[in-house]
Amino acid sequence: MTDKEYMQIAIEISKKSKIPYGAIIVKDDKMLGRSDNFNANELYRHAEYKAIQDAIQKKSIHNQLCGATIYILFD
């Protein structure tokens, strides 16, 4: 996928979110984390924080985030 396509995913997350921002983390053409699925306690967290938290919780890959790209949209 291209940067533009990954950015489009962040835009779509933003459109569906309770708050108008979205983020994804990508490395080696694999999406490692996303900022979807906020709950009421997370409304004021930044999208990039949520995407990193998602990546770590999903796969315990905190050491694999080095060299990844994060795509963020704040609308």
PDB file of N, CA and C in Angstrom:
ATOM      1  N   MET A   1       0.854  -1.193   0.000  1.00  0.00           N
ATOM      2  CA  MET A   1       0.000   0.000   0.000  1.00  0.00           C
ATOM      3  C   MET A   1       0.890   1.242   0.000  1.00  0.00           C
ATOM      4  N   THR A   2       0.315   2.338  -0.417  1.00  0.00           N
ATOM      5  CA  THR A   2       1.046   3.596  -0.462  1.00  0.00           C
ATOM      6  C   THR A   2       0.756   4.429   0.790  1.00  0.00           C
ATOM      7  N   ASP A   3       1.569   5.479   0.980  1.00  0.00           N
ATOM      8  CA  ASP A   3       1.317   6.403   2.086  1.00  0.00           C
ATOM      9  C   ASP A   3      -0.094   6.982   1.988  1.00  0.00           C
ATOM     10  N   LYS A   4      -0.503   7.315   0.778  1.00  0.00           N
ATOM     11  CA  LYS A   4      -1.830   7.891   0.574  1.00  0.00           C
ATOM     12  C   LYS A   4      -2.927   6.914   1.002  1.00  0.00           C
ATOM     13  N   GLU A   5      -2.759   5.653   0.700  1.00  0.00           N
ATOM     14  CA  GLU A   5      -3.752   4.649   1.084  1.00  0.00           C
ATOM     15  C   GLU A   5      -3.788   4.459   2.604  1.00  0.00           C
ATOM     16  N   TYR A   6      -2.625   4.451   3.228  1.00  0.00           N
ATOM     17  CA  TYR A   6      -2.605   4.340   4.691  1.00  0.00           C
ATOM     18  C   TYR A   6      -3.231   5.580   5.336  1.00  0.00           C
ATOM     19  N   MET A   7      -2.960   6.744   4.765  1.00  0.00           N
ATOM     20  CA  MET A   7      -3.550   7.969   5.305  1.00  0.00           C
ATOM     21  C   MET A   7      -5.064   7.931   5.155  1.00  0.00           C
ATOM     22  N   GLN A   8      -5.557   7.341   4.080  1.00  0.00           N
ATOM     23  CA  GLN A   8      -6.999   7.215   3.886  1.00  0.00           C
ATOM     24  C   GLN A   8      -7.627   6.357   4.983  1.00  0.00           C
ATOM     25  N   ILE A   9      -6.922   5.340   5.426  1.00  0.00           N
ATOM     26  CA  ILE A   9      -7.420   4.514   6.536  1.00  0.00           C
ATOM     27  C   ILE A   9      -7.532   5.357   7.798  1.00  0.00           C
ATOM     28  N   ALA A  10      -6.516   6.185   8.086  1.00  0.00           N
ATOM     29  CA  ALA A  10      -6.574   7.071   9.256  1.00  0.00           C
ATOM     30  C   ALA A  10      -7.743   8.045   9.133  1.00  0.00           C
ATOM     31  N   ILE A  11      -8.001   8.528   7.928  1.00  0.00           N
ATOM     32  CA  ILE A  11      -9.138   9.430   7.698  1.00  0.00           C
ATOM     33  C   ILE A  11     -10.454   8.713   7.988  1.00  0.00           C
ATOM     34  N   GLU A  12     -10.590   7.491   7.509  1.00  0.00           N
ATOM     35  CA  GLU A  12     -11.821   6.725   7.747  1.00  0.00           C
ATOM     36  C   GLU A  12     -12.016   6.456   9.243  1.00  0.00           C
ATOM     37  N   ILE A  13     -10.947   6.145   9.956  1.00  0.00           N
ATOM     38  CA  ILE A  13     -11.048   5.961  11.410  1.00  0.00           C
ATOM     39  C   ILE A  13     -11.540   7.244  12.048  1.00  0.00           C
ATOM     40  N   SER A  14     -10.981   8.371  11.614  1.00  0.00           N
ATOM     41  CA  SER A  14     -11.381   9.666  12.151  1.00  0.00           C
ATOM     42  C   SER A  14     -12.864   9.942  11.927  1.00  0.00           C
ATOM     43  N   LYS A  15     -13.357   9.616  10.748  1.00  0.00           N
ATOM     44  CA  LYS A  15     -14.769   9.861  10.426  1.00  0.00           C
ATOM     45  C   LYS A  15     -15.709   9.026  11.286  1.00  0.00           C
ATOM     46  N   LYS A  16     -15.266   7.840  11.686  1.00  0.00           N
ATOM     47  CA  LYS A  16     -16.113   6.935  12.466  1.00  0.00           C
ATOM     48  C   LYS A  16     -15.949   7.123  13.970  1.00  0.00           C
ATOM     49  N   SER A  17     -14.966   7.905  14.378  1.00  0.00           N
ATOM     50  CA  SER A  17     -14.636   8.061  15.795  1.00  0.00           C
ATOM     51  C   SER A  17     -15.561   9.062  16.480  1.00  0.00           C
ATOM     52  N   LYS A  18     -15.696   8.907  17.787  1.00  0.00           N
ATOM     53  CA  LYS A  18     -16.463   9.858  18.591  1.00  0.00           C
ATOM     54  C   LYS A  18     -15.775  11.215  18.618  1.00  0.00           C
ATOM     55  N   ILE A  19     -14.470  11.208  18.473  1.00  0.00           N
ATOM     56  CA  ILE A  19     -13.703  12.442  18.379  1.00  0.00           C
ATOM     57  C   ILE A  19     -12.951  12.416  17.052  1.00  0.00           C
ATOM     58  N   PRO A  20     -12.814  13.565  16.393  1.00  0.00           N
ATOM     59  CA  PRO A  20     -12.362  13.573  14.997  1.00  0.00           C
ATOM     60  C   PRO A  20     -10.854  13.408  14.798  1.00  0.00           C
ATOM     61  N   TYR A  21     -10.341  12.269  15.171  1.00  0.00           N
ATOM     62  CA  TYR A  21      -8.964  11.952  14.811  1.00  0.00           C
ATOM     63  C   TYR A  21      -8.774  10.460  14.715  1.00  0.00           C
ATOM     64  N   GLY A  22      -7.755  10.077  13.963  1.00  0.00           N
ATOM     65  CA  GLY A  22      -7.474   8.665  13.776  1.00  0.00           C
ATOM     66  C   GLY A  22      -5.993   8.454  13.536  1.00  0.00           C
ATOM     67  N   ALA A  23      -5.513   7.270  13.848  1.00  0.00           N
ATOM     68  CA  ALA A  23      -4.098   6.948  13.647  1.00  0.00           C
ATOM     69  C   ALA A  23      -3.936   5.457  13.389  1.00  0.00           C
ATOM     70  N   ILE A  24      -2.932   5.144  12.585  1.00  0.00           N
ATOM     71  CA  ILE A  24      -2.528   3.751  12.401  1.00  0.00           C
ATOM     72  C   ILE A  24      -0.999   3.695  12.426  1.00  0.00           C
ATOM     73  N   ILE A  25      -0.480   2.550  12.805  1.00  0.00           N
ATOM     74  CA  ILE A  25       0.964   2.310  12.808  1.00  0.00           C
ATOM     75  C   ILE A  25       1.243   1.206  11.807  1.00  0.00           C
ATOM     76  N   VAL A  26       2.210   1.458  10.925  1.00  0.00           N
ATOM     77  CA  VAL A  26       2.528   0.517   9.857  1.00  0.00           C
ATOM     78  C   VAL A  26       4.029   0.267   9.830  1.00  0.00           C
ATOM     79  N   LYS A  27       4.393  -0.992   9.635  1.00  0.00           N
ATOM     80  CA  LYS A  27       5.794  -1.365   9.449  1.00  0.00           C
ATOM     81  C   LYS A  27       5.838  -2.543   8.491  1.00  0.00           C
ATOM     82  N   ASP A  28       6.693  -2.438   7.500  1.00  0.00           N
ATOM     83  CA  ASP A  28       6.845  -3.510   6.511  1.00  0.00           C
ATOM     84  C   ASP A  28       5.502  -3.899   5.894  1.00  0.00           C
ATOM     85  N   ASP A  29       4.698  -2.896   5.560  1.00  0.00           N
ATOM     86  CA  ASP A  29       3.375  -3.089   4.947  1.00  0.00           C
ATOM     87  C   ASP A  29       2.399  -3.889   5.802  1.00  0.00           C
ATOM     88  N   LYS A  30       2.612  -3.897   7.108  1.00  0.00           N
ATOM     89  CA  LYS A  30       1.673  -4.539   8.032  1.00  0.00           C
ATOM     90  C   LYS A  30       1.168  -3.486   9.011  1.00  0.00           C
ATOM     91  N   MET A  31      -0.139  -3.456   9.212  1.00  0.00           N
ATOM     92  CA  MET A  31      -0.712  -2.532  10.165  1.00  0.00           C
ATOM     93  C   MET A  31      -0.575  -3.136  11.563  1.00  0.00           C
ATOM     94  N   LEU A  32       0.186  -2.446  12.412  1.00  0.00           N
ATOM     95  CA  LEU A  32       0.458  -2.965  13.749  1.00  0.00           C
ATOM     96  C   LEU A  32      -0.532  -2.470  14.793  1.00  0.00           C
ATOM     97  N   GLY A  33      -1.060  -1.265  14.609  1.00  0.00           N
ATOM     98  CA  GLY A  33      -1.974  -0.711  15.602  1.00  0.00           C
ATOM     99  C   GLY A  33      -2.894   0.314  14.983  1.00  0.00           C
ATOM    100  N   ARG A  34      -4.045   0.497  15.606  1.00  0.00           N
ATOM    101  CA  ARG A  34      -5.067   1.448  15.153  1.00  0.00           C
ATOM    102  C   ARG A  34      -5.650   2.169  16.355  1.00  0.00           C
ATOM    103  N   SER A  35      -6.245   3.326  16.098  1.00  0.00           N
ATOM    104  CA  SER A  35      -6.835   4.092  17.196  1.00  0.00           C
ATOM    105  C   SER A  35      -8.345   3.942  17.269  1.00  0.00           C
ATOM    106  N   ASP A  36      -8.905   2.889  16.707  1.00  0.00           N
ATOM    107  CA  ASP A  36     -10.362   2.659  16.788  1.00  0.00           C
ATOM    108  C   ASP A  36     -10.750   2.257  18.213  1.00  0.00           C
ATOM    109  N   ASN A  37     -12.034   2.103  18.375  1.00  0.00           N
ATOM    110  CA  ASN A  37     -12.607   1.503  19.586  1.00  0.00           C
ATOM    111  C   ASN A  37     -12.260   2.241  20.875  1.00  0.00           C
ATOM    112  N   PHE A  38     -12.461   3.555  20.849  1.00  0.00           N
ATOM    113  CA  PHE A  38     -12.307   4.321  22.083  1.00  0.00           C
ATOM    114  C   PHE A  38     -13.462   4.011  23.014  1.00  0.00           C
ATOM    115  N   ASN A  39     -13.200   4.047  24.302  1.00  0.00           N
ATOM    116  CA  ASN A  39     -14.306   3.966  25.252  1.00  0.00           C
ATOM    117  C   ASN A  39     -14.392   5.297  25.987  1.00  0.00           C
ATOM    118  N   ALA A  40     -15.376   5.464  26.824  1.00  0.00           N
ATOM    119  CA  ALA A  40     -15.618   6.755  27.475  1.00  0.00           C
ATOM    120  C   ALA A  40     -14.419   7.247  28.273  1.00  0.00           C
ATOM    121  N   ASN A  41     -13.624   6.351  28.828  1.00  0.00           N
ATOM    122  CA  ASN A  41     -12.469   6.757  29.625  1.00  0.00           C
ATOM    123  C   ASN A  41     -11.290   7.215  28.770  1.00  0.00           C
ATOM    124  N   GLU A  42     -11.355   7.005  27.468  1.00  0.00           N
ATOM    125  CA  GLU A  42     -10.230   7.314  26.596  1.00  0.00           C
ATOM    126  C   GLU A  42     -10.485   8.492  25.659  1.00  0.00           C
ATOM    127  N   LEU A  43     -11.564   9.209  25.830  1.00  0.00           N
ATOM    128  CA  LEU A  43     -11.927  10.258  24.884  1.00  0.00           C
ATOM    129  C   LEU A  43     -10.869  11.345  24.737  1.00  0.00           C
ATOM    130  N   TYR A  44     -10.058  11.568  25.746  1.00  0.00           N
ATOM    131  CA  TYR A  44      -9.084  12.651  25.672  1.00  0.00           C
ATOM    132  C   TYR A  44      -7.667  12.159  25.411  1.00  0.00           C
ATOM    133  N   ARG A  45      -7.510  10.897  25.113  1.00  0.00           N
ATOM    134  CA  ARG A  45      -6.195  10.381  24.748  1.00  0.00           C
ATOM    135  C   ARG A  45      -5.919  10.703  23.288  1.00  0.00           C
ATOM    136  N   HIS A  46      -4.684  10.895  22.973  1.00  0.00           N
ATOM    137  CA  HIS A  46      -4.304  11.182  21.591  1.00  0.00           C
ATOM    138  C   HIS A  46      -4.397   9.914  20.756  1.00  0.00           C
ATOM    139  N   ALA A  47      -4.711  10.077  19.483  1.00  0.00           N
ATOM    140  CA  ALA A  47      -4.864   8.943  18.578  1.00  0.00           C
ATOM    141  C   ALA A  47      -3.572   8.147  18.471  1.00  0.00           C
ATOM    142  N   GLU A  48      -2.437   8.843  18.434  1.00  0.00           N
ATOM    143  CA  GLU A  48      -1.167   8.125  18.314  1.00  0.00           C
ATOM    144  C   GLU A  48      -0.898   7.264  19.552  1.00  0.00           C
ATOM    145  N   TYR A  49      -1.278   7.752  20.727  1.00  0.00           N
ATOM    146  CA  TYR A  49      -1.124   6.968  21.955  1.00  0.00           C
ATOM    147  C   TYR A  49      -1.981   5.708  21.881  1.00  0.00           C
ATOM    148  N   LYS A  50      -3.224   5.870  21.428  1.00  0.00           N
ATOM    149  CA  LYS A  50      -4.136   4.735  21.343  1.00  0.00           C
ATOM    150  C   LYS A  50      -3.632   3.701  20.332  1.00  0.00           C
ATOM    151  N   ALA A  51      -3.093   4.159  19.196  1.00  0.00           N
ATOM    152  CA  ALA A  51      -2.571   3.236  18.184  1.00  0.00           C
ATOM    153  C   ALA A  51      -1.366   2.463  18.718  1.00  0.00           C
ATOM    154  N   ILE A  52      -0.482   3.144  19.436  1.00  0.00           N
ATOM    155  CA  ILE A  52       0.680   2.468  20.033  1.00  0.00           C
ATOM    156  C   ILE A  52       0.214   1.468  21.079  1.00  0.00           C
ATOM    157  N   GLN A  53      -0.712   1.879  21.923  1.00  0.00           N
ATOM    158  CA  GLN A  53      -1.254   0.985  22.952  1.00  0.00           C
ATOM    159  C   GLN A  53      -1.894  -0.246  22.309  1.00  0.00           C
ATOM    160  N   ASP A  54      -2.617  -0.040  21.223  1.00  0.00           N
ATOM    161  CA  ASP A  54      -3.257  -1.137  20.514  1.00  0.00           C
ATOM    162  C   ASP A  54      -2.214  -2.113  19.975  1.00  0.00           C
ATOM    163  N   ALA A  55      -1.162  -1.596  19.369  1.00  0.00           N
ATOM    164  CA  ALA A  55      -0.108  -2.453  18.814  1.00  0.00           C
ATOM    165  C   ALA A  55       0.556  -3.284  19.904  1.00  0.00           C
ATOM    166  N   ILE A  56       0.834  -2.669  21.025  1.00  0.00           N
ATOM    167  CA  ILE A  56       1.492  -3.374  22.125  1.00  0.00           C
ATOM    168  C   ILE A  56       0.569  -4.434  22.722  1.00  0.00           C
ATOM    169  N   GLN A  57      -0.703  -4.098  22.924  1.00  0.00           N
ATOM    170  CA  GLN A  57      -1.647  -5.054  23.509  1.00  0.00           C
ATOM    171  C   GLN A  57      -1.913  -6.229  22.584  1.00  0.00           C
ATOM    172  N   LYS A  58      -1.970  -5.982  21.297  1.00  0.00           N
ATOM    173  CA  LYS A  58      -2.283  -7.044  20.353  1.00  0.00           C
ATOM    174  C   LYS A  58      -1.193  -8.100  20.279  1.00  0.00           C
ATOM    175  N   LYS A  59       0.043  -7.663  20.217  1.00  0.00           N
ATOM    176  CA  LYS A  59       1.099  -8.615  19.896  1.00  0.00           C
ATOM    177  C   LYS A  59       2.324  -8.517  20.788  1.00  0.00           C
ATOM    178  N   SER A  60       2.259  -7.714  21.809  1.00  0.00           N
ATOM    179  CA  SER A  60       3.430  -7.502  22.665  1.00  0.00           C
ATOM    180  C   SER A  60       4.664  -7.198  21.819  1.00  0.00           C
ATOM    181  N   ILE A  61       4.529  -6.201  20.963  1.00  0.00           N
ATOM    182  CA  ILE A  61       5.585  -5.911  20.004  1.00  0.00           C
ATOM    183  C   ILE A  61       6.288  -4.584  20.278  1.00  0.00           C
ATOM    184  N   HIS A  62       6.331  -4.158  21.519  1.00  0.00           N
ATOM    185  CA  HIS A  62       6.893  -2.848  21.824  1.00  0.00           C
ATOM    186  C   HIS A  62       8.291  -2.661  21.240  1.00  0.00           C
ATOM    187  N   ASN A  63       9.076  -3.698  21.162  1.00  0.00           N
ATOM    188  CA  ASN A  63      10.424  -3.560  20.605  1.00  0.00           C
ATOM    189  C   ASN A  63      10.412  -3.583  19.079  1.00  0.00           C
ATOM    190  N   GLN A  64       9.318  -3.946  18.453  1.00  0.00           N
ATOM    191  CA  GLN A  64       9.228  -3.981  17.001  1.00  0.00           C
ATOM    192  C   GLN A  64       8.680  -2.685  16.413  1.00  0.00           C
ATOM    193  N   LEU A  65       8.316  -1.725  17.235  1.00  0.00           N
ATOM    194  CA  LEU A  65       7.789  -0.467  16.725  1.00  0.00           C
ATOM    195  C   LEU A  65       8.886   0.429  16.174  1.00  0.00           C
ATOM    196  N   CYS A  66      10.125   0.150  16.511  1.00  0.00           N
ATOM    197  CA  CYS A  66      11.239   0.936  15.996  1.00  0.00           C
ATOM    198  C   CYS A  66      11.256   0.830  14.470  1.00  0.00           C
ATOM    199  N   GLY A  67      11.256   1.966  13.785  1.00  0.00           N
ATOM    200  CA  GLY A  67      11.260   1.975  12.332  1.00  0.00           C
ATOM    201  C   GLY A  67       9.878   1.961  11.711  1.00  0.00           C
ATOM    202  N   ALA A  68       8.838   1.928  12.534  1.00  0.00           N
ATOM    203  CA  ALA A  68       7.465   1.942  12.010  1.00  0.00           C
ATOM    204  C   ALA A  68       7.069   3.378  11.653  1.00  0.00           C
ATOM    205  N   THR A  69       6.024   3.501  10.857  1.00  0.00           N
ATOM    206  CA  THR A  69       5.475   4.811  10.476  1.00  0.00           C
ATOM    207  C   THR A  69       4.104   4.939  11.089  1.00  0.00           C
ATOM    208  N   ILE A  70       3.813   6.124  11.604  1.00  0.00           N
ATOM    209  CA  ILE A  70       2.477   6.380  12.147  1.00  0.00           C
ATOM    210  C   ILE A  70       1.800   7.422  11.283  1.00  0.00           C
ATOM    211  N   TYR A  71       0.564   7.131  10.893  1.00  0.00           N
ATOM    212  CA  TYR A  71      -0.251   8.038  10.085  1.00  0.00           C
ATOM    213  C   TYR A  71      -1.340   8.580  10.992  1.00  0.00           C
ATOM    214  N   ILE A  72      -1.429   9.902  11.094  1.00  0.00           N
ATOM    215  CA  ILE A  72      -2.343  10.533  12.049  1.00  0.00           C
ATOM    216  C   ILE A  72      -3.171  11.601  11.334  1.00  0.00           C
ATOM    217  N   LEU A  73      -4.453  11.633  11.641  1.00  0.00           N
ATOM    218  CA  LEU A  73      -5.320  12.704  11.145  1.00  0.00           C
ATOM    219  C   LEU A  73      -6.016  13.337  12.329  1.00  0.00           C
ATOM    220  N   PHE A  74      -5.873  14.637  12.455  1.00  0.00           N
ATOM    221  CA  PHE A  74      -6.637  15.431  13.416  1.00  0.00           C
ATOM    222  C   PHE A  74      -7.532  16.332  12.592  1.00  0.00           C
ATOM    223  N   ASP A  75      -8.819  16.106  12.670  1.00  0.00           N
ATOM    224  CA  ASP A  75      -9.747  16.862  11.828  1.00  0.00           C
ATOM    225  C   ASP A  75     -10.277  18.077  12.563  1.00  0.00           C
TER     226      ASP A  75
END
